[in-house]
Protein backbone atom coordinates (compact mmCIF):
# COMPACT_ATOMS: atom_id res chain seq x y z
CA MET A 1 -5.13 -52.01 -27.19
CA HIS A 2 -3.47 -50.01 -29.85
CA GLN A 3 -6.34 -52.52 -31.86
CA ASN A 4 -8.90 -50.44 -30.00
CA LEU A 5 -7.23 -47.25 -30.27
CA ALA A 6 -6.50 -47.44 -34.33
CA VAL A 7 -10.68 -48.52 -34.44
CA PHE A 8 -11.38 -45.50 -32.06
CA ILE A 9 -9.32 -43.68 -34.22
CA ARG A 10 -11.18 -44.68 -37.62
CA TYR A 11 -14.41 -44.05 -36.54
CA PHE A 12 -13.72 -40.47 -35.45
CA ARG A 13 -12.03 -39.77 -38.90
CA TRP A 14 -15.53 -41.27 -40.29
CA LEU A 15 -17.35 -38.61 -38.02
CA LEU A 16 -14.85 -35.72 -38.66
CA ASP A 17 -15.80 -35.89 -42.35
CA SER A 18 -19.25 -36.28 -41.56
CA MET A 19 -20.68 -34.16 -38.83
CA GLY A 20 -18.77 -31.19 -39.65
CA ASN A 21 -16.60 -28.65 -37.46
CA THR A 22 -18.74 -29.75 -33.40
CA ILE A 23 -17.16 -33.03 -33.98
CA GLY A 24 -14.19 -32.16 -35.37
CA ASN A 25 -13.60 -30.05 -32.55
CA GLN A 26 -14.16 -32.09 -29.83
CA PHE A 27 -11.96 -34.71 -32.00
CA LEU A 28 -9.12 -31.93 -32.02
CA GLN A 29 -9.36 -31.85 -28.08
CA LEU A 30 -8.97 -34.85 -27.56
CA SER A 31 -6.26 -35.54 -30.52
CA LEU A 32 -3.98 -33.07 -28.76
CA GLN A 33 -4.16 -34.02 -25.36
CA ARG A 34 -3.56 -37.48 -26.33
CA ALA A 35 -0.33 -36.00 -28.34
CA LEU A 36 0.31 -34.23 -25.22
CA LEU A 37 1.18 -36.41 -22.60
CA ARG A 38 4.41 -36.99 -21.35
CA GLU A 39 5.40 -33.92 -23.67
CA VAL A 40 4.59 -31.25 -21.84
CA HIS A 41 7.85 -29.46 -20.88
CA PRO A 42 8.87 -26.41 -18.03
CA ASP A 43 9.28 -23.85 -20.54
CA ILE A 44 5.59 -24.08 -22.19
CA ARG A 45 2.95 -21.89 -21.42
CA GLN A 46 0.05 -22.71 -23.06
CA VAL A 47 -1.02 -25.39 -25.87
CA SER A 48 -4.05 -24.36 -27.99
CA GLY A 49 -5.38 -25.48 -31.60
CA GLU A 50 -8.21 -24.57 -33.89
CA LEU A 51 -9.79 -26.50 -37.66
CA ASP A 52 -10.81 -24.60 -40.47
CA SER A 53 -12.97 -26.64 -42.32
CA ASP A 54 -13.14 -24.64 -45.31
CA LYS A 55 -9.50 -24.77 -46.01
CA HIS A 56 -8.94 -27.95 -44.26
CA ILE A 57 -6.71 -26.63 -42.29
CA VAL A 58 -5.45 -27.57 -38.34
CA ARG A 59 -3.91 -24.92 -36.53
CA LEU A 60 -1.59 -25.67 -33.59
CA ARG A 61 -0.10 -22.84 -31.16
CA PHE A 62 2.41 -23.44 -28.37
CA GLU A 63 3.45 -20.47 -26.37
CA TYR A 64 6.51 -20.45 -24.74
CA ASP A 65 7.98 -18.38 -21.72
CA GLY A 66 11.28 -16.77 -23.74
CA GLN A 67 12.99 -18.95 -26.16
CA PRO A 68 11.72 -22.96 -26.63
CA SER A 69 15.17 -24.78 -26.07
CA PRO A 70 15.52 -26.96 -29.11
CA LEU A 71 14.34 -30.43 -26.99
CA ALA A 72 10.91 -28.77 -26.31
CA LYS A 73 10.50 -27.68 -29.67
CA GLU A 74 11.56 -30.91 -30.96
CA SER A 75 9.26 -32.93 -28.80
CA TYR A 76 6.52 -30.12 -29.29
CA SER A 77 6.55 -30.24 -33.30
CA CYS A 78 6.21 -34.45 -32.75
CA ALA A 79 2.99 -33.90 -31.13
CA ALA A 80 2.11 -31.87 -33.88
CA THR A 81 2.69 -34.86 -35.87
CA GLU A 82 0.82 -36.75 -34.16
CA ILE A 83 -2.44 -34.53 -34.03
CA ILE A 84 -2.16 -34.53 -38.29
CA ALA A 85 -2.11 -38.17 -38.51
CA ASP A 86 -5.37 -38.44 -37.05
CA PHE A 87 -6.86 -36.55 -39.64
CA PRO A 88 -7.77 -37.62 -43.33
CA GLU A 89 -6.04 -36.44 -46.08
CA PRO A 90 -7.08 -33.00 -47.41
CA TRP A 91 -6.44 -31.68 -44.08
CA GLN A 92 -2.91 -29.93 -43.51
CA LEU A 93 -0.91 -28.56 -40.19
CA ASN A 94 -0.37 -25.00 -39.67
CA GLU A 95 2.23 -25.08 -36.36
CA GLN A 96 3.12 -21.69 -34.75
CA HIS A 97 5.80 -21.56 -31.94
CA VAL A 98 5.85 -18.31 -30.63
CA SER A 99 7.99 -16.94 -27.39
CA VAL A 100 5.62 -14.56 -24.94
CA PRO A 101 7.58 -14.86 -22.08
CA SER A 102 5.89 -14.11 -18.59
CA PRO A 103 3.62 -12.16 -17.33
CA ALA A 104 2.52 -11.17 -20.99
CA SER A 105 -1.21 -12.46 -22.06
CA LEU A 106 -1.37 -15.34 -24.64
CA SER A 107 -3.30 -15.25 -27.91
CA ALA A 108 -5.08 -18.92 -27.51
CA LEU A 109 -6.85 -20.21 -30.66
CA THR A 110 -10.12 -21.41 -30.04
CA LEU A 111 -9.76 -24.83 -28.14
CA ILE A 112 -6.88 -24.75 -25.48
CA ALA A 113 -5.14 -28.07 -24.34
CA TYR A 114 -2.81 -26.99 -22.07
CA ARG A 115 -2.62 -24.17 -19.92
CA ARG A 116 0.50 -23.43 -17.28
CA GLN A 117 -0.73 -22.25 -14.07
CA GLU A 118 1.56 -19.06 -13.81
CA HIS A 119 2.43 -17.88 -10.06
CA VAL A 120 0.19 -15.04 -8.88
CA HIS A 121 2.57 -12.73 -7.27
CA ALA A 122 4.46 -12.41 -10.82
CA ALA A 123 1.32 -10.59 -12.06
CA GLU A 124 0.81 -8.39 -9.43
CA GLN A 125 4.54 -7.35 -9.69
CA PHE A 126 3.67 -6.89 -13.39
CA ILE A 127 0.87 -4.71 -12.54
CA GLN A 128 2.67 -2.88 -9.13
CA ALA A 129 5.80 -1.91 -12.07
CA ASP A 130 3.22 0.16 -14.36
CA VAL A 131 1.25 1.68 -11.91
CA ASN A 132 4.51 2.90 -10.24
CA SER A 133 5.68 4.15 -13.88
CA ARG A 134 2.75 6.44 -14.32
CA PRO A 135 2.66 8.91 -11.63
CA GLY A 136 -1.03 10.35 -11.31
CA LEU A 137 -2.58 7.06 -10.67
CA ILE A 138 -3.54 5.62 -7.57
CA GLN A 139 -0.92 4.16 -5.27
CA THR A 140 -3.20 1.37 -3.66
CA LEU A 141 -4.34 -1.06 -6.39
CA ALA A 142 -6.78 -4.33 -5.20
CA VAL A 143 -6.00 -7.14 -7.78
CA LYS A 144 -7.51 -10.18 -8.48
CA THR A 145 -5.41 -12.76 -10.58
CA TRP A 146 -7.51 -16.37 -11.27
CA THR A 147 -5.42 -19.01 -13.14
CA TYR A 148 -6.96 -21.34 -15.08
């Protein structure tokens, strides 16, 4: 099994070098999802990434609900190391760990590998608090929240 995975990774490294950004984004998506297996912690809201082909940089952004626990941050740093190990030599890693308490908006990079399902009622409470804080707005507000 490990031998097949090694052949697969070598093949995609070759594709990444020879075919540019489209294959690179697909490879990054696969690499992100593989590295996140068994690494998702309750305090993570979103994991995203993107390639900068001109500068040979892999950017990864880990967005947490509040400050991440040391264990979670270490796990995601290990996942980032696994991801950059899939890329050939000139590529470098830009790893971002960001605190974005719910229900604040998330700021994804180009590819989203993981997004936590948020509670709809939390978003509705946030909107209702905003409506209540501004006199003169219509107090009845129909809100539909979609979570992806």
